[in-house]
Amino acid sequence: MAPLDVAIAGGHGQIALRLGKLLSARGDRVRGLIRNPDHADDLRAAGVEPVVLDLEAAGAQAVADAVEGADAVVFAAGAGPGSGEGRKQTMDRDGAVKLIEGAKANGIERYLIVSSRGADAQAQGDGFSAYLRAKGEADEAVRASGLSWTIVRPGALVNDSGTGRVRTDTGEGEISRDDVAATLVAVLDEPATAGRTFLLVGGDTPVAEAVQQIAAGS
Protein backbone atom coordinates (compact mmCIF):
# COMPACT_ATOMS: atom_id res chain seq x y z
CA MET A 1 0.00 0.00 0.00
CA ALA A 2 1.31 3.44 -0.94
CA PRO A 3 1.98 5.85 1.93
CA LEU A 4 -0.97 8.01 2.92
CA ASP A 5 -1.11 11.75 3.48
CA VAL A 6 -3.41 12.33 6.44
CA ALA A 7 -4.49 15.62 8.06
CA ILE A 8 -5.84 15.42 11.61
CA ALA A 9 -7.95 18.19 13.11
CA GLY A 10 -7.37 18.44 16.85
CA GLY A 11 -3.83 17.24 16.31
CA HIS A 12 -2.72 17.64 19.93
CA GLY A 13 -5.56 15.57 21.34
CA GLN A 14 -4.74 12.32 23.07
CA ILE A 15 -6.23 10.10 20.37
CA ALA A 16 -4.84 12.30 17.59
CA LEU A 17 -1.27 12.12 18.89
CA ARG A 18 -1.49 8.34 19.15
CA LEU A 19 -2.95 8.11 15.66
CA GLY A 20 -0.31 10.40 14.23
CA LYS A 21 2.49 8.41 15.81
CA LEU A 22 1.16 5.12 14.42
CA LEU A 23 0.76 6.52 10.91
CA SER A 24 4.12 8.27 10.90
CA ALA A 25 5.91 5.18 12.19
CA ARG A 26 4.81 3.20 9.15
CA GLY A 27 5.86 5.90 6.70
CA ASP A 28 2.72 7.98 6.16
CA ARG A 29 2.81 11.77 6.04
CA VAL A 30 0.76 13.19 8.89
CA ARG A 31 -0.26 16.77 9.54
CA GLY A 32 -1.79 17.83 12.82
CA LEU A 33 -3.94 20.96 12.95
CA ILE A 34 -3.37 22.73 16.27
CA ARG A 35 -4.54 26.03 17.73
CA ASN A 36 -1.67 26.51 20.17
CA PRO A 37 1.82 26.81 18.63
CA ASP A 38 3.31 25.73 21.96
CA HIS A 39 2.07 22.21 21.17
CA ALA A 40 4.13 21.94 17.99
CA ASP A 41 7.06 20.12 19.60
CA ASP A 42 4.74 17.44 20.99
CA LEU A 43 3.55 16.74 17.46
CA ARG A 44 7.06 16.68 16.04
CA ALA A 45 8.05 14.17 18.73
CA ALA A 46 5.27 11.91 17.40
CA GLY A 47 6.46 12.33 13.82
CA VAL A 48 3.62 14.68 12.94
CA GLU A 49 3.97 17.97 11.05
CA PRO A 50 2.31 20.75 13.07
CA VAL A 51 0.00 23.12 11.21
CA VAL A 52 -1.08 26.06 13.36
CA LEU A 53 -4.74 26.74 12.63
CA ASP A 54 -7.51 27.87 14.97
CA LEU A 55 -10.30 25.83 13.46
CA GLU A 56 -12.98 27.80 15.31
CA ALA A 57 -11.79 31.15 13.98
CA ALA A 58 -10.38 30.13 10.60
CA GLY A 59 -12.08 30.95 7.34
CA ALA A 60 -12.84 28.42 4.63
CA GLN A 61 -9.72 29.15 2.61
CA ALA A 62 -7.40 28.75 5.58
CA VAL A 63 -8.90 25.36 6.40
CA ALA A 64 -8.65 24.29 2.77
CA ASP A 65 -5.02 25.38 2.64
CA ALA A 66 -4.21 23.43 5.81
CA VAL A 67 -5.41 20.10 4.38
CA GLU A 68 -4.38 20.60 0.75
CA GLY A 69 -2.91 17.48 -0.81
CA ALA A 70 -4.18 15.07 1.86
CA ASP A 71 -5.60 11.67 0.95
CA ALA A 72 -7.79 11.66 4.04
CA VAL A 73 -8.84 13.91 6.90
CA VAL A 74 -9.66 12.91 10.46
CA PHE A 75 -11.76 15.05 12.78
CA ALA A 76 -10.50 14.33 16.30
CA ALA A 77 -11.02 17.82 17.72
CA GLY A 78 -13.28 18.89 20.55
CA ALA A 79 -13.95 21.74 22.90
CA GLY A 80 -13.01 19.52 25.83
CA PRO A 81 -14.39 18.96 29.33
CA GLY A 82 -15.63 22.07 31.09
CA SER A 83 -16.32 24.00 27.91
CA GLY A 84 -19.62 25.81 27.59
CA GLU A 85 -22.43 24.87 25.26
CA GLY A 86 -21.39 27.60 22.81
CA ARG A 87 -17.96 26.06 22.24
CA LYS A 88 -19.45 22.62 21.85
CA GLN A 89 -21.33 24.07 18.90
CA THR A 90 -18.46 26.07 17.42
CA MET A 91 -15.87 23.31 17.88
CA ASP A 92 -17.47 19.88 18.09
CA ARG A 93 -20.10 20.65 15.45
CA ASP A 94 -18.91 23.60 13.36
CA GLY A 95 -15.29 22.45 13.35
CA ALA A 96 -16.36 19.17 11.78
CA VAL A 97 -18.37 21.08 9.17
CA LYS A 98 -15.41 23.32 8.33
CA LEU A 99 -13.25 20.25 7.82
CA ILE A 100 -15.89 18.84 5.45
CA GLU A 101 -15.73 22.04 3.44
CA GLY A 102 -11.92 22.00 3.43
CA ALA A 103 -11.91 18.42 2.20
CA LYS A 104 -14.38 19.18 -0.58
CA ALA A 105 -12.39 22.21 -1.69
CA ASN A 106 -9.41 19.93 -2.27
CA GLY A 107 -11.22 16.93 -3.71
CA ILE A 108 -10.42 14.85 -0.62
CA GLU A 109 -12.96 12.04 -0.42
CA ARG A 110 -12.01 10.17 2.76
CA TYR A 111 -13.29 11.63 6.05
CA LEU A 112 -13.12 9.96 9.46
CA ILE A 113 -14.72 11.47 12.53
CA VAL A 114 -14.20 10.47 16.14
CA SER A 115 -17.69 10.85 17.56
CA SER A 116 -19.09 9.61 20.86
CA ARG A 117 -21.28 6.88 22.24
CA GLY A 118 -24.76 8.39 22.56
CA ALA A 119 -24.22 11.15 20.00
CA ASP A 120 -27.72 12.39 19.15
CA ALA A 121 -28.69 15.52 17.24
CA GLN A 122 -32.02 15.48 19.09
CA ALA A 123 -30.55 15.28 22.60
CA GLN A 124 -32.27 17.71 24.94
CA GLY A 125 -30.73 19.68 27.78
CA ASP A 126 -27.48 21.29 28.83
CA GLY A 127 -24.13 19.94 29.97
CA PHE A 128 -23.29 16.51 28.60
CA SER A 129 -26.52 16.52 26.58
CA ALA A 130 -25.28 19.61 24.75
CA TYR A 131 -22.09 17.74 23.92
CA LEU A 132 -24.01 14.73 22.61
CA ARG A 133 -26.23 17.04 20.58
CA ALA A 134 -23.24 18.80 18.99
CA LYS A 135 -21.60 15.46 18.19
CA GLY A 136 -24.84 14.16 16.75
CA GLU A 137 -25.26 17.24 14.57
CA ALA A 138 -21.67 16.85 13.37
CA ASP A 139 -22.34 13.21 12.50
CA GLU A 140 -25.44 14.21 10.52
CA ALA A 141 -23.41 16.78 8.59
CA VAL A 142 -20.77 14.17 7.81
CA ARG A 143 -23.39 11.70 6.57
CA ALA A 144 -24.90 14.37 4.32
CA SER A 145 -21.52 15.49 2.97
CA GLY A 146 -21.29 13.13 0.03
CA LEU A 147 -17.78 12.17 1.13
CA SER A 148 -16.49 8.66 1.85
CA TRP A 149 -17.06 9.00 5.57
CA THR A 150 -16.75 6.71 8.56
CA ILE A 151 -18.11 7.62 11.99
CA VAL A 152 -16.42 5.97 14.98
CA ARG A 153 -18.25 6.23 18.32
CA PRO A 154 -16.01 5.15 21.21
CA GLY A 155 -17.27 4.33 24.66
CA ALA A 156 -15.70 5.78 27.81
CA LEU A 157 -12.08 6.63 27.03
CA VAL A 158 -9.24 5.51 29.28
CA ASN A 159 -5.46 5.74 29.15
CA ASP A 160 -4.78 2.06 29.82
CA SER A 161 -2.39 0.34 27.43
CA GLY A 162 -4.09 -0.94 24.33
CA THR A 163 -4.99 -4.62 24.02
CA GLY A 164 -5.47 -4.67 20.24
CA ARG A 165 -8.91 -6.18 20.79
CA VAL A 166 -12.25 -4.42 20.54
CA ARG A 167 -16.00 -4.85 20.28
CA THR A 168 -18.14 -2.93 17.80
CA ASP A 169 -21.71 -4.05 18.47
CA THR A 170 -22.16 -2.05 21.66
CA GLY A 171 -21.06 1.20 23.21
CA GLU A 172 -21.30 -0.08 26.75
CA GLY A 173 -17.93 -0.12 28.42
CA GLU A 174 -14.52 1.47 28.19
CA ILE A 175 -11.85 1.58 25.52
CA SER A 176 -8.26 2.69 25.64
CA ARG A 177 -7.21 5.60 23.49
CA ASP A 178 -4.48 3.31 22.12
CA ASP A 179 -7.12 0.96 20.74
CA VAL A 180 -9.18 3.81 19.29
CA ALA A 181 -6.11 5.05 17.42
CA ALA A 182 -5.29 1.55 16.16
CA THR A 183 -8.87 1.16 14.95
CA LEU A 184 -8.70 4.47 13.07
CA VAL A 185 -5.57 3.26 11.26
CA ALA A 186 -7.36 0.07 10.23
CA VAL A 187 -10.37 2.08 9.05
CA LEU A 188 -8.16 4.33 6.95
CA ASP A 189 -6.72 1.23 5.32
CA GLU A 190 -10.13 -0.25 4.48
CA PRO A 191 -12.12 1.78 1.93
CA ALA A 192 -15.16 -0.48 2.42
CA THR A 193 -15.73 1.06 5.86
CA ALA A 194 -17.01 4.17 4.06
CA GLY A 195 -20.62 4.85 4.93
CA ARG A 196 -20.40 2.98 8.24
CA THR A 197 -21.15 4.21 11.75
CA PHE A 198 -20.05 1.97 14.58
CA LEU A 199 -19.65 1.83 18.33
CA LEU A 200 -16.29 0.90 19.80
CA VAL A 201 -15.32 -0.49 23.20
CA GLY A 202 -12.77 -2.91 24.51
CA GLY A 203 -13.50 -6.52 23.63
CA ASP A 204 -12.14 -9.82 22.38
CA THR A 205 -11.95 -9.31 18.59
CA PRO A 206 -8.62 -8.26 17.07
CA VAL A 207 -8.84 -4.75 15.63
CA ALA A 208 -8.15 -5.81 12.04
CA GLU A 209 -10.83 -8.50 12.21
CA ALA A 210 -13.37 -6.15 13.76
CA VAL A 211 -12.80 -3.55 11.05
CA GLN A 212 -13.20 -6.20 8.35
CA GLN A 213 -16.53 -7.16 9.93
CA ILE A 214 -17.61 -3.52 9.80
CA ALA A 215 -16.54 -3.30 6.16
CA ALA A 216 -18.58 -6.40 5.37
CA GLY A 217 -21.60 -4.92 7.09
CA SER A 218 -21.71 -7.51 9.84
C-alpha atoms as a PDB file:
ATOM      1  CA  MET A   1       0.000   0.000   0.000  1.00  0.00           C
ATOM      2  CA  ALA A   2       1.313   3.442  -0.942  1.00  0.00           C
ATOM      3  CA  PRO A   3       1.982   5.855   1.934  1.00  0.00           C
ATOM      4  CA  LEU A   4      -0.974   8.008   2.917  1.00  0.00           C
ATOM      5  CA  ASP A   5      -1.106  11.746   3.483  1.00  0.00           C
ATOM      6  CA  VAL A   6      -3.413  12.328   6.442  1.00  0.00           C
ATOM      7  CA  ALA A   7      -4.488  15.618   8.056  1.00  0.00           C
ATOM      8  CA  ILE A   8      -5.842  15.420  11.612  1.00  0.00           C
ATOM      9  CA  ALA A   9      -7.950  18.190  13.112  1.00  0.00           C
ATOM     10  CA  GLY A  10      -7.368  18.441  16.846  1.00  0.00           C
ATOM     11  CA  GLY A  11      -3.829  17.237  16.311  1.00  0.00           C
ATOM     12  CA  HIS A  12      -2.717  17.636  19.934  1.00  0.00           C
ATOM     13  CA  GLY A  13      -5.560  15.573  21.338  1.00  0.00           C
ATOM     14  CA  GLN A  14      -4.738  12.318  23.074  1.00  0.00           C
ATOM     15  CA  ILE A  15      -6.233  10.102  20.366  1.00  0.00           C
ATOM     16  CA  ALA A  16      -4.844  12.300  17.591  1.00  0.00           C
ATOM     17  CA  LEU A  17      -1.274  12.116  18.895  1.00  0.00           C
ATOM     18  CA  ARG A  18      -1.494   8.340  19.151  1.00  0.00           C
ATOM     19  CA  LEU A  19      -2.954   8.108  15.658  1.00  0.00           C
ATOM     20  CA  GLY A  20      -0.311  10.403  14.228  1.00  0.00           C
ATOM     21  CA  LYS A  21       2.490   8.413  15.814  1.00  0.00           C
ATOM     22  CA  LEU A  22       1.157   5.118  14.418  1.00  0.00           C
ATOM     23  CA  LEU A  23       0.759   6.516  10.909  1.00  0.00           C
ATOM     24  CA  SER A  24       4.118   8.270  10.903  1.00  0.00           C
ATOM     25  CA  ALA A  25       5.914   5.180  12.189  1.00  0.00           C
ATOM     26  CA  ARG A  26       4.807   3.195   9.153  1.00  0.00           C
ATOM     27  CA  GLY A  27       5.858   5.904   6.703  1.00  0.00           C
ATOM     28  CA  ASP A  28       2.722   7.977   6.155  1.00  0.00           C
ATOM     29  CA  ARG A  29       2.808  11.768   6.039  1.00  0.00           C
ATOM     30  CA  VAL A  30       0.762  13.190   8.892  1.00  0.00           C
ATOM     31  CA  ARG A  31      -0.255  16.774   9.536  1.00  0.00           C
ATOM     32  CA  GLY A  32      -1.793  17.832  12.820  1.00  0.00           C
ATOM     33  CA  LEU A  33      -3.943  20.960  12.947  1.00  0.00           C
ATOM     34  CA  ILE A  34      -3.369  22.733  16.265  1.00  0.00           C
ATOM     35  CA  ARG A  35      -4.535  26.034  17.726  1.00  0.00           C
ATOM     36  CA  ASN A  36      -1.672  26.509  20.169  1.00  0.00           C
ATOM     37  CA  PRO A  37       1.815  26.807  18.630  1.00  0.00           C
ATOM     38  CA  ASP A  38       3.310  25.729  21.965  1.00  0.00           C
ATOM     39  CA  HIS A  39       2.071  22.212  21.172  1.00  0.00           C
ATOM     40  CA  ALA A  40       4.126  21.939  17.988  1.00  0.00           C
ATOM     41  CA  ASP A  41       7.056  20.117  19.599  1.00  0.00           C
ATOM     42  CA  ASP A  42       4.738  17.438  20.992  1.00  0.00           C
ATOM     43  CA  LEU A  43       3.551  16.737  17.460  1.00  0.00           C
ATOM     44  CA  ARG A  44       7.057  16.675  16.045  1.00  0.00           C
ATOM     45  CA  ALA A  45       8.045  14.167  18.729  1.00  0.00           C
ATOM     46  CA  ALA A  46       5.274  11.908  17.401  1.00  0.00           C
ATOM     47  CA  GLY A  47       6.461  12.330  13.825  1.00  0.00           C
ATOM     48  CA  VAL A  48       3.623  14.683  12.938  1.00  0.00           C
ATOM     49  CA  GLU A  49       3.967  17.966  11.046  1.00  0.00           C
ATOM     50  CA  PRO A  50       2.312  20.751  13.072  1.00  0.00           C
ATOM     51  CA  VAL A  51      -0.002  23.120  11.211  1.00  0.00           C
ATOM     52  CA  VAL A  52      -1.083  26.059  13.358  1.00  0.00           C
ATOM     53  CA  LEU A  53      -4.744  26.738  12.631  1.00  0.00           C
ATOM     54  CA  ASP A  54      -7.508  27.874  14.970  1.00  0.00           C
ATOM     55  CA  LEU A  55     -10.305  25.828  13.463  1.00  0.00           C
ATOM     56  CA  GLU A  56     -12.978  27.802  15.311  1.00  0.00           C
ATOM     57  CA  ALA A  57     -11.790  31.152  13.982  1.00  0.00           C
ATOM     58  CA  ALA A  58     -10.384  30.129  10.597  1.00  0.00           C
ATOM     59  CA  GLY A  59     -12.085  30.947   7.344  1.00  0.00           C
ATOM     60  CA  ALA A  60     -12.842  28.421   4.632  1.00  0.00           C
ATOM     61  CA  GLN A  61      -9.722  29.152   2.606  1.00  0.00           C
ATOM     62  CA  ALA A  62      -7.397  28.752   5.585  1.00  0.00           C
ATOM     63  CA  VAL A  63      -8.899  25.364   6.397  1.00  0.00           C
ATOM     64  CA  ALA A  64      -8.651  24.288   2.770  1.00  0.00           C
ATOM     65  CA  ASP A  65      -5.019  25.376   2.640  1.00  0.00           C
ATOM     66  CA  ALA A  66      -4.208  23.427   5.808  1.00  0.00           C
ATOM     67  CA  VAL A  67      -5.410  20.102   4.383  1.00  0.00           C
ATOM     68  CA  GLU A  68      -4.382  20.599   0.748  1.00  0.00           C
ATOM     69  CA  GLY A  69      -2.911  17.476  -0.805  1.00  0.00           C
ATOM     70  CA  ALA A  70      -4.183  15.072   1.858  1.00  0.00           C
ATOM     71  CA  ASP A  71      -5.603  11.674   0.947  1.00  0.00           C
ATOM     72  CA  ALA A  72      -7.792  11.656   4.041  1.00  0.00           C
ATOM     73  CA  VAL A  73      -8.839  13.912   6.895  1.00  0.00           C
ATOM     74  CA  VAL A  74      -9.657  12.909  10.461  1.00  0.00           C
ATOM     75  CA  PHE A  75     -11.757  15.049  12.780  1.00  0.00           C
ATOM     76  CA  ALA A  76     -10.499  14.326  16.295  1.00  0.00           C
ATOM     77  CA  ALA A  77     -11.021  17.819  17.719  1.00  0.00           C
ATOM     78  CA  GLY A  78     -13.279  18.887  20.546  1.00  0.00           C
ATOM     79  CA  ALA A  79     -13.954  21.739  22.904  1.00  0.00           C
ATOM     80  CA  GLY A  80     -13.012  19.524  25.834  1.00  0.00           C
ATOM     81  CA  PRO A  81     -14.392  18.964  29.332  1.00  0.00           C
ATOM     82  CA  GLY A  82     -15.633  22.070  31.091  1.00  0.00           C
ATOM     83  CA  SER A  83     -16.317  23.997  27.915  1.00  0.00           C
ATOM     84  CA  GLY A  84     -19.623  25.812  27.594  1.00  0.00           C
ATOM     85  CA  GLU A  85     -22.434  24.871  25.258  1.00  0.00           C
ATOM     86  CA  GLY A  86     -21.388  27.598  22.813  1.00  0.00           C
ATOM     87  CA  ARG A  87     -17.958  26.055  22.242  1.00  0.00           C
ATOM     88  CA  LYS A  88     -19.448  22.625  21.848  1.00  0.00           C
ATOM     89  CA  GLN A  89     -21.333  24.075  18.898  1.00  0.00           C
ATOM     90  CA  THR A  90     -18.458  26.075  17.424  1.00  0.00           C
ATOM     91  CA  MET A  91     -15.874  23.312  17.877  1.00  0.00           C
ATOM     92  CA  ASP A  92     -17.472  19.875  18.087  1.00  0.00           C
ATOM     93  CA  ARG A  93     -20.102  20.653  15.447  1.00  0.00           C
ATOM     94  CA  ASP A  94     -18.915  23.597  13.365  1.00  0.00           C
ATOM     95  CA  GLY A  95     -15.287  22.449  13.348  1.00  0.00           C
ATOM     96  CA  ALA A  96     -16.365  19.175  11.775  1.00  0.00           C
ATOM     97  CA  VAL A  97     -18.369  21.075   9.170  1.00  0.00           C
ATOM     98  CA  LYS A  98     -15.407  23.318   8.328  1.00  0.00           C
ATOM     99  CA  LEU A  99     -13.253  20.245   7.818  1.00  0.00           C
ATOM    100  CA  ILE A 100     -15.890  18.840   5.448  1.00  0.00           C
ATOM    101  CA  GLU A 101     -15.729  22.042   3.436  1.00  0.00           C
ATOM    102  CA  GLY A 102     -11.923  22.002   3.429  1.00  0.00           C
ATOM    103  CA  ALA A 103     -11.912  18.416   2.202  1.00  0.00           C
ATOM    104  CA  LYS A 104     -14.383  19.180  -0.576  1.00  0.00           C
ATOM    105  CA  ALA A 105     -12.391  22.214  -1.690  1.00  0.00           C
ATOM    106  CA  ASN A 106      -9.406  19.928  -2.271  1.00  0.00           C
ATOM    107  CA  GLY A 107     -11.219  16.931  -3.712  1.00  0.00           C
ATOM    108  CA  ILE A 108     -10.425  14.846  -0.617  1.00  0.00           C
ATOM    109  CA  GLU A 109     -12.961  12.035  -0.417  1.00  0.00           C
ATOM    110  CA  ARG A 110     -12.008  10.172   2.765  1.00  0.00           C
ATOM    111  CA  TYR A 111     -13.291  11.626   6.046  1.00  0.00           C
ATOM    112  CA  LEU A 112     -13.123   9.960   9.463  1.00  0.00           C
ATOM    113  CA  ILE A 113     -14.724  11.467  12.530  1.00  0.00           C
ATOM    114  CA  VAL A 114     -14.199  10.470  16.143  1.00  0.00           C
ATOM    115  CA  SER A 115     -17.687  10.854  17.555  1.00  0.00           C
ATOM    116  CA  SER A 116     -19.095   9.613  20.857  1.00  0.00           C
ATOM    117  CA  ARG A 117     -21.283   6.883  22.237  1.00  0.00           C
ATOM    118  CA  GLY A 118     -24.757   8.393  22.564  1.00  0.00           C
ATOM    119  CA  ALA A 119     -24.224  11.152  19.998  1.00  0.00           C
ATOM    120  CA  ASP A 120     -27.720  12.393  19.150  1.00  0.00           C
ATOM    121  CA  ALA A 121     -28.692  15.525  17.243  1.00  0.00           C
ATOM    122  CA  GLN A 122     -32.020  15.483  19.095  1.00  0.00           C
ATOM    123  CA  ALA A 123     -30.553  15.278  22.600  1.00  0.00           C
ATOM    124  CA  GLN A 124     -32.267  17.712  24.945  1.00  0.00           C
ATOM    125  CA  GLY A 125     -30.735  19.682  27.780  1.00  0.00           C
ATOM    126  CA  ASP A 126     -27.480  21.285  28.831  1.00  0.00           C
ATOM    127  CA  GLY A 127     -24.130  19.943  29.974  1.00  0.00           C
ATOM    128  CA  PHE A 128     -23.294  16.514  28.605  1.00  0.00           C
ATOM    129  CA  SER A 129     -26.516  16.517  26.581  1.00  0.00           C
ATOM    130  CA  ALA A 130     -25.278  19.609  24.755  1.00  0.00           C
ATOM    131  CA  TYR A 131     -22.092  17.736  23.917  1.00  0.00           C
ATOM    132  CA  LEU A 132     -24.007  14.726  22.611  1.00  0.00           C
ATOM    133  CA  ARG A 133     -26.234  17.038  20.581  1.00  0.00           C
ATOM    134  CA  ALA A 134     -23.244  18.798  18.994  1.00  0.00           C
ATOM    135  CA  LYS A 135     -21.598  15.463  18.189  1.00  0.00           C
ATOM    136  CA  GLY A 136     -24.840  14.161  16.749  1.00  0.00           C
ATOM    137  CA  GLU A 137     -25.256  17.239  14.568  1.00  0.00           C
ATOM    138  CA  ALA A 138     -21.669  16.849  13.368  1.00  0.00           C
ATOM    139  CA  ASP A 139     -22.343  13.211  12.495  1.00  0.00           C
ATOM    140  CA  GLU A 140     -25.438  14.212  10.520  1.00  0.00           C
ATOM    141  CA  ALA A 141     -23.414  16.777   8.587  1.00  0.00           C
ATOM    142  CA  VAL A 142     -20.771  14.167   7.811  1.00  0.00           C
ATOM    143  CA  ARG A 143     -23.394  11.697   6.565  1.00  0.00           C
ATOM    144  CA  ALA A 144     -24.902  14.371   4.324  1.00  0.00           C
ATOM    145  CA  SER A 145     -21.518  15.491   2.971  1.00  0.00           C
ATOM    146  CA  GLY A 146     -21.290  13.132   0.026  1.00  0.00           C
ATOM    147  CA  LEU A 147     -17.779  12.167   1.128  1.00  0.00           C
ATOM    148  CA  SER A 148     -16.493   8.663   1.849  1.00  0.00           C
ATOM    149  CA  TRP A 149     -17.065   9.000   5.566  1.00  0.00           C
ATOM    150  CA  THR A 150     -16.752   6.712   8.564  1.00  0.00           C
ATOM    151  CA  ILE A 151     -18.113   7.621  11.989  1.00  0.00           C
ATOM    152  CA  VAL A 152     -16.425   5.967  14.981  1.00  0.00           C
ATOM    153  CA  ARG A 153     -18.246   6.225  18.315  1.00  0.00           C
ATOM    154  CA  PRO A 154     -16.010   5.147  21.209  1.00  0.00           C
ATOM    155  CA  GLY A 155     -17.267   4.329  24.658  1.00  0.00           C
ATOM    156  CA  ALA A 156     -15.704   5.776  27.806  1.00  0.00           C
ATOM    157  CA  LEU A 157     -12.078   6.631  27.030  1.00  0.00           C
ATOM    158  CA  VAL A 158      -9.239   5.508  29.285  1.00  0.00           C
ATOM    159  CA  ASN A 159      -5.458   5.737  29.149  1.00  0.00           C
ATOM    160  CA  ASP A 160      -4.781   2.062  29.824  1.00  0.00           C
ATOM    161  CA  SER A 161      -2.391   0.339  27.434  1.00  0.00           C
ATOM    162  CA  GLY A 162      -4.091  -0.945  24.325  1.00  0.00           C
ATOM    163  CA  THR A 163      -4.992  -4.620  24.016  1.00  0.00           C
ATOM    164  CA  GLY A 164      -5.470  -4.666  20.240  1.00  0.00           C
ATOM    165  CA  ARG A 165      -8.914  -6.182  20.791  1.00  0.00           C
ATOM    166  CA  VAL A 166     -12.251  -4.417  20.539  1.00  0.00           C
ATOM    167  CA  ARG A 167     -16.001  -4.848  20.285  1.00  0.00           C
ATOM    168  CA  THR A 168     -18.138  -2.930  17.798  1.00  0.00           C
ATOM    169  CA  ASP A 169     -21.714  -4.052  18.471  1.00  0.00           C
ATOM    170  CA  THR A 170     -22.165  -2.050  21.663  1.00  0.00           C
ATOM    171  CA  GLY A 171     -21.060   1.204  23.209  1.00  0.00           C
ATOM    172  CA  GLU A 172     -21.302  -0.078  26.752  1.00  0.00           C
ATOM    173  CA  GLY A 173     -17.926  -0.125  28.417  1.00  0.00           C
ATOM    174  CA  GLU A 174     -14.517   1.474  28.192  1.00  0.00           C
ATOM    175  CA  ILE A 175     -11.853   1.580  25.519  1.00  0.00           C
ATOM    176  CA  SER A 176      -8.259   2.690  25.644  1.00  0.00           C
ATOM    177  CA  ARG A 177      -7.211   5.599  23.492  1.00  0.00           C
ATOM    178  CA  ASP A 178      -4.484   3.311  22.123  1.00  0.00           C
ATOM    179  CA  ASP A 179      -7.118   0.964  20.741  1.00  0.00           C
ATOM    180  CA  VAL A 180      -9.180   3.810  19.287  1.00  0.00           C
ATOM    181  CA  ALA A 181      -6.108   5.050  17.419  1.00  0.00           C
ATOM    182  CA  ALA A 182      -5.292   1.554  16.164  1.00  0.00           C
ATOM    183  CA  THR A 183      -8.866   1.163  14.948  1.00  0.00           C
ATOM    184  CA  LEU A 184      -8.697   4.469  13.068  1.00  0.00           C
ATOM    185  CA  VAL A 185      -5.566   3.261  11.262  1.00  0.00           C
ATOM    186  CA  ALA A 186      -7.358   0.071  10.234  1.00  0.00           C
ATOM    187  CA  VAL A 187     -10.367   2.079   9.049  1.00  0.00           C
ATOM    188  CA  LEU A 188      -8.157   4.335   6.951  1.00  0.00           C
ATOM    189  CA  ASP A 189      -6.715   1.228   5.319  1.00  0.00           C
ATOM    190  CA  GLU A 190     -10.126  -0.248   4.482  1.00  0.00           C
ATOM    191  CA  PRO A 191     -12.124   1.778   1.926  1.00  0.00           C
ATOM    192  CA  ALA A 192     -15.159  -0.479   2.419  1.00  0.00           C
ATOM    193  CA  THR A 193     -15.725   1.063   5.861  1.00  0.00           C
ATOM    194  CA  ALA A 194     -17.005   4.171   4.056  1.00  0.00           C
ATOM    195  CA  GLY A 195     -20.620   4.852   4.934  1.00  0.00           C
ATOM    196  CA  ARG A 196     -20.402   2.980   8.244  1.00  0.00           C
ATOM    197  CA  THR A 197     -21.154   4.209  11.745  1.00  0.00           C
ATOM    198  CA  PHE A 198     -20.054   1.967  14.581  1.00  0.00           C
ATOM    199  CA  LEU A 199     -19.647   1.832  18.332  1.00  0.00           C
ATOM    200  CA  LEU A 200     -16.291   0.903  19.799  1.00  0.00           C
ATOM    201  CA  VAL A 201     -15.323  -0.490  23.197  1.00  0.00           C
ATOM    202  CA  GLY A 202     -12.767  -2.907  24.512  1.00  0.00           C
ATOM    203  CA  GLY A 203     -13.502  -6.520  23.632  1.00  0.00           C
ATOM    204  CA  ASP A 204     -12.138  -9.817  22.376  1.00  0.00           C
ATOM    205  CA  THR A 205     -11.949  -9.308  18.594  1.00  0.00           C
ATOM    206  CA  PRO A 206      -8.625  -8.257  17.070  1.00  0.00           C
ATOM    207  CA  VAL A 207      -8.839  -4.748  15.633  1.00  0.00           C
ATOM    208  CA  ALA A 208      -8.150  -5.808  12.042  1.00  0.00           C
ATOM    209  CA  GLU A 209     -10.826  -8.497  12.207  1.00  0.00           C
ATOM    210  CA  ALA A 210     -13.370  -6.150  13.765  1.00  0.00           C
ATOM    211  CA  VAL A 211     -12.805  -3.552  11.050  1.00  0.00           C
ATOM    212  CA  GLN A 212     -13.197  -6.204   8.348  1.00  0.00           C
ATOM    213  CA  GLN A 213     -16.530  -7.165   9.926  1.00  0.00           C
ATOM    214  CA  ILE A 214     -17.611  -3.520   9.800  1.00  0.00           C
ATOM    215  CA  ALA A 215     -16.538  -3.300   6.163  1.00  0.00           C
ATOM    216  CA  ALA A 216     -18.582  -6.397   5.370  1.00  0.00           C
ATOM    217  CA  GLY A 217     -21.603  -4.917   7.092  1.00  0.00           C
ATOM    218  CA  SER A 218     -21.708  -7.514   9.843  1.00  0.00           C
END
